[in-house]
C-alpha atoms as a PDB file:
ATOM      1  CA  MET A   1      15.823 -11.574  -1.365  1.00  0.00           C
ATOM      2  CA  LYS A   2      13.142  -9.888   0.686  1.00  0.00           C
ATOM      3  CA  GLN A   3       9.831  -9.598  -1.190  1.00  0.00           C
ATOM      4  CA  ASN A   4       6.893  -7.247  -0.720  1.00  0.00           C
ATOM      5  CA  TYR A   5       3.597  -9.145  -0.465  1.00  0.00           C
ATOM      6  CA  GLN A   6      -0.008  -8.029  -0.645  1.00  0.00           C
ATOM      7  CA  VAL A   7      -2.729 -10.198   0.870  1.00  0.00           C
ATOM      8  CA  VAL A   8      -6.499  -9.838   0.855  1.00  0.00           C
ATOM      9  CA  LEU A   9      -8.242 -11.244   3.922  1.00  0.00           C
ATOM     10  CA  SER A  10     -11.766 -12.052   4.986  1.00  0.00           C
ATOM     11  CA  TYR A  11     -12.638 -12.337   8.651  1.00  0.00           C
ATOM     12  CA  ASP A  12     -15.425 -12.533  11.190  1.00  0.00           C
ATOM     13  CA  GLY A  13     -14.481  -9.781  13.621  1.00  0.00           C
ATOM     14  CA  THR A  14     -16.866 -10.804  16.404  1.00  0.00           C
ATOM     15  CA  ASP A  15     -14.227 -12.281  18.698  1.00  0.00           C
ATOM     16  CA  TYR A  16     -11.454  -9.771  17.928  1.00  0.00           C
ATOM     17  CA  HIS A  17     -10.501  -6.395  19.388  1.00  0.00           C
ATOM     18  CA  GLY A  18     -10.274  -4.999  15.876  1.00  0.00           C
ATOM     19  CA  TRP A  19      -7.526  -5.177  13.283  1.00  0.00           C
ATOM     20  CA  GLN A  20      -4.703  -3.308  15.014  1.00  0.00           C
ATOM     21  CA  LEU A  21      -2.143  -5.113  17.154  1.00  0.00           C
ATOM     22  CA  GLN A  22      -2.741  -4.545  20.891  1.00  0.00           C
ATOM     23  CA  PRO A  23      -0.875  -5.964  23.900  1.00  0.00           C
ATOM     24  CA  ARG A  24      -2.588  -8.992  25.457  1.00  0.00           C
ATOM     25  CA  ARG A  25      -5.604  -8.667  23.174  1.00  0.00           C
ATOM     26  CA  LYS A  26      -6.813 -10.845  20.323  1.00  0.00           C
ATOM     27  CA  THR A  27      -6.558  -8.906  17.043  1.00  0.00           C
ATOM     28  CA  VAL A  28      -6.606  -9.803  13.362  1.00  0.00           C
ATOM     29  CA  GLN A  29      -3.210  -8.220  12.711  1.00  0.00           C
ATOM     30  CA  GLY A  30      -1.824 -10.141  15.672  1.00  0.00           C
ATOM     31  CA  ALA A  31      -3.181 -13.439  14.329  1.00  0.00           C
ATOM     32  CA  LEU A  32      -1.606 -12.815  10.916  1.00  0.00           C
ATOM     33  CA  GLU A  33       1.741 -11.829  12.422  1.00  0.00           C
ATOM     34  CA  ASP A  34       1.641 -14.931  14.648  1.00  0.00           C
ATOM     35  CA  ALA A  35       1.122 -17.088  11.546  1.00  0.00           C
ATOM     36  CA  LEU A  36       4.059 -15.440   9.741  1.00  0.00           C
ATOM     37  CA  PHE A  37       6.259 -15.839  12.838  1.00  0.00           C
ATOM     38  CA  ARG A  38       6.109 -19.599  12.413  1.00  0.00           C
ATOM     39  CA  PHE A  39       7.894 -19.353   9.053  1.00  0.00           C
ATOM     40  CA  ARG A  40      10.822 -17.153  10.138  1.00  0.00           C
ATOM     41  CA  SER A  41      10.866 -17.407  13.963  1.00  0.00           C
ATOM     42  CA  ARG A  42      10.800 -13.641  14.163  1.00  0.00           C
ATOM     43  CA  ARG A  43       8.145 -10.957  13.961  1.00  0.00           C
ATOM     44  CA  ILE A  44       7.208  -9.786  10.461  1.00  0.00           C
ATOM     45  CA  PRO A  45       5.281  -6.490  10.714  1.00  0.00           C
ATOM     46  CA  VAL A  46       2.043  -6.382   8.718  1.00  0.00           C
ATOM     47  CA  GLN A  47       0.487  -3.134   7.456  1.00  0.00           C
ATOM     48  CA  GLY A  48      -3.296  -3.094   7.099  1.00  0.00           C
ATOM     49  CA  ALA A  49      -5.260  -0.910   4.705  1.00  0.00           C
ATOM     50  CA  GLY A  50      -7.564   0.166   7.518  1.00  0.00           C
ATOM     51  CA  ARG A  51      -7.986  -0.293  11.258  1.00  0.00           C
ATOM     52  CA  THR A  52     -11.360  -1.984  11.581  1.00  0.00           C
ATOM     53  CA  ASP A  53     -12.878  -1.572  15.056  1.00  0.00           C
ATOM     54  CA  ALA A  54     -13.546  -4.334  17.563  1.00  0.00           C
ATOM     55  CA  GLY A  55     -16.374  -6.504  16.256  1.00  0.00           C
ATOM     56  CA  VAL A  56     -16.218  -5.183  12.667  1.00  0.00           C
ATOM     57  CA  HIS A  57     -15.958  -7.751   9.874  1.00  0.00           C
ATOM     58  CA  ALA A  58     -14.185  -7.789   6.512  1.00  0.00           C
ATOM     59  CA  LEU A  59     -14.813  -9.418   3.158  1.00  0.00           C
ATOM     60  CA  GLY A  60     -11.804  -7.768   1.519  1.00  0.00           C
ATOM     61  CA  GLN A  61      -9.311  -6.277   3.967  1.00  0.00           C
ATOM     62  CA  ALA A  62      -5.936  -5.637   2.323  1.00  0.00           C
ATOM     63  CA  ALA A  63      -2.556  -5.887   4.032  1.00  0.00           C
ATOM     64  CA  SER A  64       1.094  -5.888   3.053  1.00  0.00           C
ATOM     65  CA  PHE A  65       4.352  -7.168   4.532  1.00  0.00           C
ATOM     66  CA  GLN A  66       7.974  -7.646   3.516  1.00  0.00           C
ATOM     67  CA  ALA A  67       9.693 -10.969   4.105  1.00  0.00           C
ATOM     68  CA  GLU A  68      12.226 -13.426   2.751  1.00  0.00           C
ATOM     69  CA  LEU A  69      10.438 -16.780   2.666  1.00  0.00           C
ATOM     70  CA  ASP A  70      11.390 -20.133   1.145  1.00  0.00           C
ATOM     71  CA  LEU A  71       7.910 -20.778  -0.248  1.00  0.00           C
ATOM     72  CA  ASP A  72       6.311 -20.037  -3.571  1.00  0.00           C
ATOM     73  CA  ASP A  73       3.127 -17.949  -3.540  1.00  0.00           C
ATOM     74  CA  ALA A  74       0.683 -20.874  -3.690  1.00  0.00           C
ATOM     75  CA  GLU A  75       2.513 -22.687  -0.878  1.00  0.00           C
ATOM     76  CA  LEU A  76       2.625 -19.536   1.265  1.00  0.00           C
ATOM     77  CA  LEU A  77      -1.104 -18.909   0.781  1.00  0.00           C
ATOM     78  CA  GLN A  78      -1.926 -22.473   1.813  1.00  0.00           C
ATOM     79  CA  ALA A  79       0.524 -22.391   4.737  1.00  0.00           C
ATOM     80  CA  LEU A  80      -0.876 -19.111   6.100  1.00  0.00           C
ATOM     81  CA  ASN A  81      -4.428 -20.425   6.046  1.00  0.00           C
ATOM     82  CA  GLY A  82      -3.218 -23.565   7.744  1.00  0.00           C
ATOM     83  CA  GLN A  83      -1.864 -21.484  10.638  1.00  0.00           C
ATOM     84  CA  LEU A  84      -4.724 -18.974  10.929  1.00  0.00           C
ATOM     85  CA  PRO A  85      -7.888 -19.571  12.987  1.00  0.00           C
ATOM     86  CA  ASP A  86     -11.026 -20.583  11.117  1.00  0.00           C
ATOM     87  CA  ASP A  87     -12.581 -17.100  11.345  1.00  0.00           C
ATOM     88  CA  ILE A  88      -9.737 -15.519   9.332  1.00  0.00           C
ATOM     89  CA  ARG A  89      -8.892 -16.493   5.747  1.00  0.00           C
ATOM     90  CA  VAL A  90      -6.339 -15.149   3.273  1.00  0.00           C
ATOM     91  CA  LEU A  91      -8.195 -15.024  -0.040  1.00  0.00           C
ATOM     92  CA  SER A  92      -5.281 -14.008  -2.241  1.00  0.00           C
ATOM     93  CA  LEU A  93      -1.548 -13.355  -2.056  1.00  0.00           C
ATOM     94  CA  ASP A  94       0.570 -11.477  -4.606  1.00  0.00           C
ATOM     95  CA  ARG A  95       4.071 -10.071  -4.880  1.00  0.00           C
ATOM     96  CA  VAL A  96       3.950  -6.306  -5.374  1.00  0.00           C
ATOM     97  CA  PRO A  97       6.515  -3.531  -6.008  1.00  0.00           C
ATOM     98  CA  ASP A  98       8.604  -2.427  -3.032  1.00  0.00           C
ATOM     99  CA  ALA A  99       6.853   0.967  -2.999  1.00  0.00           C
ATOM    100  CA  PHE A 100       3.443  -0.621  -2.368  1.00  0.00           C
ATOM    101  CA  HIS A 101       1.978  -0.011   1.100  1.00  0.00           C
ATOM    102  CA  ALA A 102      -1.464  -1.377   1.969  1.00  0.00           C
ATOM    103  CA  ARG A 103      -2.600   1.825   3.696  1.00  0.00           C
ATOM    104  CA  LYS A 104      -0.650   4.586   1.946  1.00  0.00           C
ATOM    105  CA  SER A 105      -1.271   3.207  -1.557  1.00  0.00           C
ATOM    106  CA  ALA A 106      -5.036   2.790  -1.090  1.00  0.00           C
ATOM    107  CA  ARG A 107      -7.243   5.061  -3.196  1.00  0.00           C
ATOM    108  CA  SER A 108     -10.597   4.226  -1.611  1.00  0.00           C
ATOM    109  CA  LYS A 109     -12.378   1.845   0.751  1.00  0.00           C
ATOM    110  CA  VAL A 110     -15.923   0.501   0.604  1.00  0.00           C
ATOM    111  CA  TYR A 111     -17.891  -0.375   3.737  1.00  0.00           C
ATOM    112  CA  ARG A 112     -21.346  -1.909   4.089  1.00  0.00           C
ATOM    113  CA  TYR A 113     -23.679  -1.878   7.075  1.00  0.00           C
ATOM    114  CA  ARG A 114     -26.615  -4.291   7.433  1.00  0.00           C
ATOM    115  CA  ILE A 115     -29.804  -3.602   9.368  1.00  0.00           C
ATOM    116  CA  VAL A 116     -32.559  -6.200   9.799  1.00  0.00           C
ATOM    117  CA  ASN A 117     -35.781  -4.254  10.235  1.00  0.00           C
ATOM    118  CA  ALA A 118     -38.140  -6.992  11.374  1.00  0.00           C
ATOM    119  CA  ARG A 119     -39.783  -8.380  14.507  1.00  0.00           C
ATOM    120  CA  LEU A 120     -37.293 -11.269  14.595  1.00  0.00           C
ATOM    121  CA  ILE A 121     -33.752 -11.785  13.313  1.00  0.00           C
ATOM    122  CA  SER A 122     -32.364 -15.089  12.098  1.00  0.00           C
ATOM    123  CA  PRO A 123     -29.665 -16.653  14.298  1.00  0.00           C
ATOM    124  CA  PHE A 124     -27.551 -16.764  11.119  1.00  0.00           C
ATOM    125  CA  ASP A 125     -27.696 -12.954  10.872  1.00  0.00           C
ATOM    126  CA  VAL A 126     -27.371 -11.957  14.521  1.00  0.00           C
ATOM    127  CA  ARG A 127     -23.551 -11.716  14.438  1.00  0.00           C
ATOM    128  CA  TYR A 128     -23.494  -9.723  11.198  1.00  0.00           C
ATOM    129  CA  ALA A 129     -26.403  -7.289  11.268  1.00  0.00           C
ATOM    130  CA  LEU A 130     -28.074  -4.809  13.588  1.00  0.00           C
ATOM    131  CA  HIS A 131     -31.569  -5.918  14.581  1.00  0.00           C
ATOM    132  CA  TRP A 132     -34.040  -3.025  14.711  1.00  0.00           C
ATOM    133  CA  PRO A 133     -37.648  -4.230  15.184  1.00  0.00           C
ATOM    134  CA  GLY A 134     -39.216  -0.758  15.276  1.00  0.00           C
ATOM    135  CA  PRO A 135     -40.475   1.267  12.292  1.00  0.00           C
ATOM    136  CA  LEU A 136     -37.969   3.074  10.062  1.00  0.00           C
ATOM    137  CA  ASP A 137     -38.717   5.601   7.318  1.00  0.00           C
ATOM    138  CA  VAL A 138     -36.463   4.220   4.585  1.00  0.00           C
ATOM    139  CA  GLY A 139     -37.348   7.055   2.186  1.00  0.00           C
ATOM    140  CA  LYS A 140     -35.991   9.666   4.580  1.00  0.00           C
ATOM    141  CA  MET A 141     -32.920   7.526   5.235  1.00  0.00           C
ATOM    142  CA  GLU A 142     -32.258   7.344   1.486  1.00  0.00           C
ATOM    143  CA  ALA A 143     -32.504  11.132   1.187  1.00  0.00           C
ATOM    144  CA  ALA A 144     -30.172  11.663   4.142  1.00  0.00           C
ATOM    145  CA  ALA A 145     -27.604   9.143   2.882  1.00  0.00           C
ATOM    146  CA  GLY A 146     -27.123  11.095  -0.327  1.00  0.00           C
ATOM    147  CA  LEU A 147     -26.162  14.198   1.663  1.00  0.00           C
ATOM    148  CA  PHE A 148     -22.964  12.516   2.867  1.00  0.00           C
ATOM    149  CA  VAL A 149     -21.495  12.568  -0.656  1.00  0.00           C
ATOM    150  CA  ARG A 150     -19.006  15.433  -0.420  1.00  0.00           C
ATOM    151  CA  GLU A 151     -15.459  16.384   0.485  1.00  0.00           C
ATOM    152  CA  ALA A 152     -15.752  17.905   3.933  1.00  0.00           C
ATOM    153  CA  ASP A 153     -14.711  17.957   7.570  1.00  0.00           C
ATOM    154  CA  PHE A 154     -16.365  14.856   9.093  1.00  0.00           C
ATOM    155  CA  THR A 155     -15.530  15.734  12.708  1.00  0.00           C
ATOM    156  CA  SER A 156     -19.223  15.608  13.677  1.00  0.00           C
ATOM    157  CA  PHE A 157     -19.280  11.953  12.635  1.00  0.00           C
ATOM    158  CA  SER A 158     -16.161  10.741  14.413  1.00  0.00           C
ATOM    159  CA  SER A 159     -14.878  10.116  17.924  1.00  0.00           C
ATOM    160  CA  ASN A 160     -11.315  11.263  17.286  1.00  0.00           C
ATOM    161  CA  ARG A 161      -9.834  14.705  16.783  1.00  0.00           C
ATOM    162  CA  LEU A 162      -7.409  14.683  13.878  1.00  0.00           C
ATOM    163  CA  ARG A 163      -5.506  17.651  12.560  1.00  0.00           C
ATOM    164  CA  HIS A 164      -6.793  16.813   9.057  1.00  0.00           C
ATOM    165  CA  PRO A 165     -10.389  15.501   9.428  1.00  0.00           C
ATOM    166  CA  VAL A 166     -11.404  16.156   5.813  1.00  0.00           C
ATOM    167  CA  ARG A 167     -12.523  13.085   3.848  1.00  0.00           C
ATOM    168  CA  ARG A 168     -13.989  12.674   0.376  1.00  0.00           C
ATOM    169  CA  VAL A 169     -17.091  10.462   0.249  1.00  0.00           C
ATOM    170  CA  THR A 170     -17.884   9.442  -3.329  1.00  0.00           C
ATOM    171  CA  HIS A 171     -20.779   7.045  -2.746  1.00  0.00           C
ATOM    172  CA  SER A 172     -23.373   6.846   0.033  1.00  0.00           C
ATOM    173  CA  GLU A 173     -26.538   4.832  -0.518  1.00  0.00           C
ATOM    174  CA  ILE A 174     -29.347   3.147   1.400  1.00  0.00           C
ATOM    175  CA  ARG A 175     -31.113   0.190  -0.194  1.00  0.00           C
ATOM    176  CA  ALA A 176     -33.976  -1.879   1.180  1.00  0.00           C
ATOM    177  CA  SER A 177     -34.828  -5.433   0.174  1.00  0.00           C
ATOM    178  CA  GLY A 178     -37.547  -7.128   2.160  1.00  0.00           C
ATOM    179  CA  SER A 179     -36.723  -6.700   5.831  1.00  0.00           C
ATOM    180  CA  GLU A 180     -33.053  -5.873   5.219  1.00  0.00           C
ATOM    181  CA  ILE A 181     -31.721  -2.324   4.897  1.00  0.00           C
ATOM    182  CA  THR A 182     -28.185  -1.994   3.577  1.00  0.00           C
ATOM    183  CA  TYR A 183     -26.009   1.096   3.725  1.00  0.00           C
ATOM    184  CA  THR A 184     -22.986   1.248   1.393  1.00  0.00           C
ATOM    185  CA  VAL A 185     -20.385   4.005   1.546  1.00  0.00           C
ATOM    186  CA  GLU A 186     -17.124   4.616  -0.315  1.00  0.00           C
ATOM    187  CA  ALA A 187     -14.493   7.235   0.527  1.00  0.00           C
ATOM    188  CA  ASN A 188     -10.801   7.951   0.165  1.00  0.00           C
ATOM    189  CA  GLY A 189     -10.491   7.307   3.899  1.00  0.00           C
ATOM    190  CA  PHE A 190     -12.495   7.183   7.111  1.00  0.00           C
ATOM    191  CA  LEU A 191     -12.093   8.683  10.570  1.00  0.00           C
ATOM    192  CA  GLN A 192     -12.457   6.510  13.662  1.00  0.00           C
ATOM    193  CA  TYR A 193     -16.083   5.328  14.058  1.00  0.00           C
ATOM    194  CA  MET A 194     -17.049   7.500  11.074  1.00  0.00           C
ATOM    195  CA  VAL A 195     -19.158   4.917   9.211  1.00  0.00           C
ATOM    196  CA  ARG A 196     -20.850   3.689  12.375  1.00  0.00           C
ATOM    197  CA  THR A 197     -21.679   7.269  13.356  1.00  0.00           C
ATOM    198  CA  MET A 198     -23.084   8.002   9.901  1.00  0.00           C
ATOM    199  CA  VAL A 199     -25.240   4.877  10.245  1.00  0.00           C
ATOM    200  CA  GLY A 200     -26.321   5.981  13.726  1.00  0.00           C
ATOM    201  CA  THR A 201     -27.383   9.316  12.244  1.00  0.00           C
ATOM    202  CA  LEU A 202     -29.315   7.597   9.454  1.00  0.00           C
ATOM    203  CA  LEU A 203     -31.102   5.461  12.035  1.00  0.00           C
ATOM    204  CA  GLU A 204     -32.092   8.624  13.918  1.00  0.00           C
ATOM    205  CA  VAL A 205     -33.481   9.952  10.632  1.00  0.00           C
ATOM    206  CA  GLY A 206     -35.384   6.696  10.058  1.00  0.00           C
ATOM    207  CA  LYS A 207     -36.871   6.868  13.563  1.00  0.00           C
ATOM    208  CA  GLY A 208     -38.078  10.416  12.907  1.00  0.00           C
ATOM    209  CA  ARG A 209     -35.801  11.992  15.514  1.00  0.00           C
ATOM    210  CA  VAL A 210     -33.603  13.824  12.994  1.00  0.00           C
ATOM    211  CA  ASP A 211     -34.746  15.554   9.821  1.00  0.00           C
ATOM    212  CA  PRO A 212     -32.658  14.894   6.676  1.00  0.00           C
ATOM    213  CA  GLY A 213     -32.366  18.641   6.204  1.00  0.00           C
ATOM    214  CA  SER A 214     -30.434  18.952   9.448  1.00  0.00           C
ATOM    215  CA  ILE A 215     -27.471  16.961   8.058  1.00  0.00           C
ATOM    216  CA  GLU A 216     -25.961  20.173   6.694  1.00  0.00           C
ATOM    217  CA  GLY A 217     -26.118  21.737  10.128  1.00  0.00           C
ATOM    218  CA  LEU A 218     -24.338  18.731  11.643  1.00  0.00           C
ATOM    219  CA  PHE A 219     -21.421  19.252   9.260  1.00  0.00           C
ATOM    220  CA  GLU A 220     -21.246  22.922  10.168  1.00  0.00           C
ATOM    221  CA  HIS A 221     -21.391  22.161  13.901  1.00  0.00           C
ATOM    222  CA  ARG A 222     -18.153  20.094  13.726  1.00  0.00           C
ATOM    223  CA  ALA A 223     -18.831  18.335  17.022  1.00  0.00           C
ATOM    224  CA  ARG A 224     -20.594  15.156  18.111  1.00  0.00           C
ATOM    225  CA  THR A 225     -24.177  15.571  19.306  1.00  0.00           C
ATOM    226  CA  ARG A 226     -26.978  13.280  20.418  1.00  0.00           C
ATOM    227  CA  ALA A 227     -28.116  13.325  16.799  1.00  0.00           C
ATOM    228  CA  THR A 228     -25.016  11.334  15.792  1.00  0.00           C
ATOM    229  CA  PRO A 229     -24.853   8.181  17.954  1.00  0.00           C
ATOM    230  CA  THR A 230     -22.524   5.305  17.081  1.00  0.00           C
ATOM    231  CA  ALA A 231     -24.203   2.202  15.637  1.00  0.00           C
ATOM    232  CA  PRO A 232     -23.061  -1.216  16.940  1.00  0.00           C
ATOM    233  CA  ALA A 233     -19.961  -2.690  15.294  1.00  0.00           C
ATOM    234  CA  LYS A 234     -21.412  -6.066  14.292  1.00  0.00           C
ATOM    235  CA  GLY A 235     -23.406  -4.691  11.347  1.00  0.00           C
ATOM    236  CA  LEU A 236     -20.325  -3.202   9.659  1.00  0.00           C
ATOM    237  CA  CYS A 237     -18.141  -4.946   7.091  1.00  0.00           C
ATOM    238  CA  LEU A 238     -15.163  -3.721   5.034  1.00  0.00           C
ATOM    239  CA  ILE A 239     -16.086  -4.873   1.538  1.00  0.00           C
ATOM    240  CA  ARG A 240     -12.984  -3.962  -0.439  1.00  0.00           C
ATOM    241  CA  VAL A 241      -9.990  -1.659  -0.793  1.00  0.00           C
ATOM    242  CA  ASP A 242      -9.236  -0.152  -4.197  1.00  0.00           C
ATOM    243  CA  TYR A 243      -5.755   0.776  -5.443  1.00  0.00           C
END
């Protein structure tokens, strides 16, 4: 009988055009569906919890698919990893109720963005963090980050125009340790480029170009401005999806 499976994946998104399947482009969803194709000789659609952008990484991306496979769970997990490229790994695989859907069943997602605020960046960090050698006012960035915690229309911090752009952000925090600044945000969902635009805004605050007090006005404006640029993808990582 056909089973419903949930997998949790980790991947380096540097060489991929994001999660979502695209014609003639290398994507994470495409790589996973290619691996599953080898077991059934037909396409098995995979549903991801979120559509990470090109160049964005994941420690705990969740996905689900339905299939009838002649392998037990441990064998399937090992076989999938044997077919996937080295920069994608399935960390866990479980059978779940038929009603489970990786995206629709998700309650919240947690993203993290890394900034290396130093004259030089290690070659071991350059694929996974934004290098900013100039001065940043971390105190002001911390104050501004807290202002994102709300249920509101996040149109000003997104590149798409959805009919329902309201999202509920429950955690938004900047932390600094040595030369590394880390931004962590959790919400019930995210608009396209939303986290990267929030990070871009926080960087503008850190540079002294935007005052933390103007965040409220950006929400009210409901349109992208020069005050809300999009930070590069490589510093962003999907940490986990909660159900």
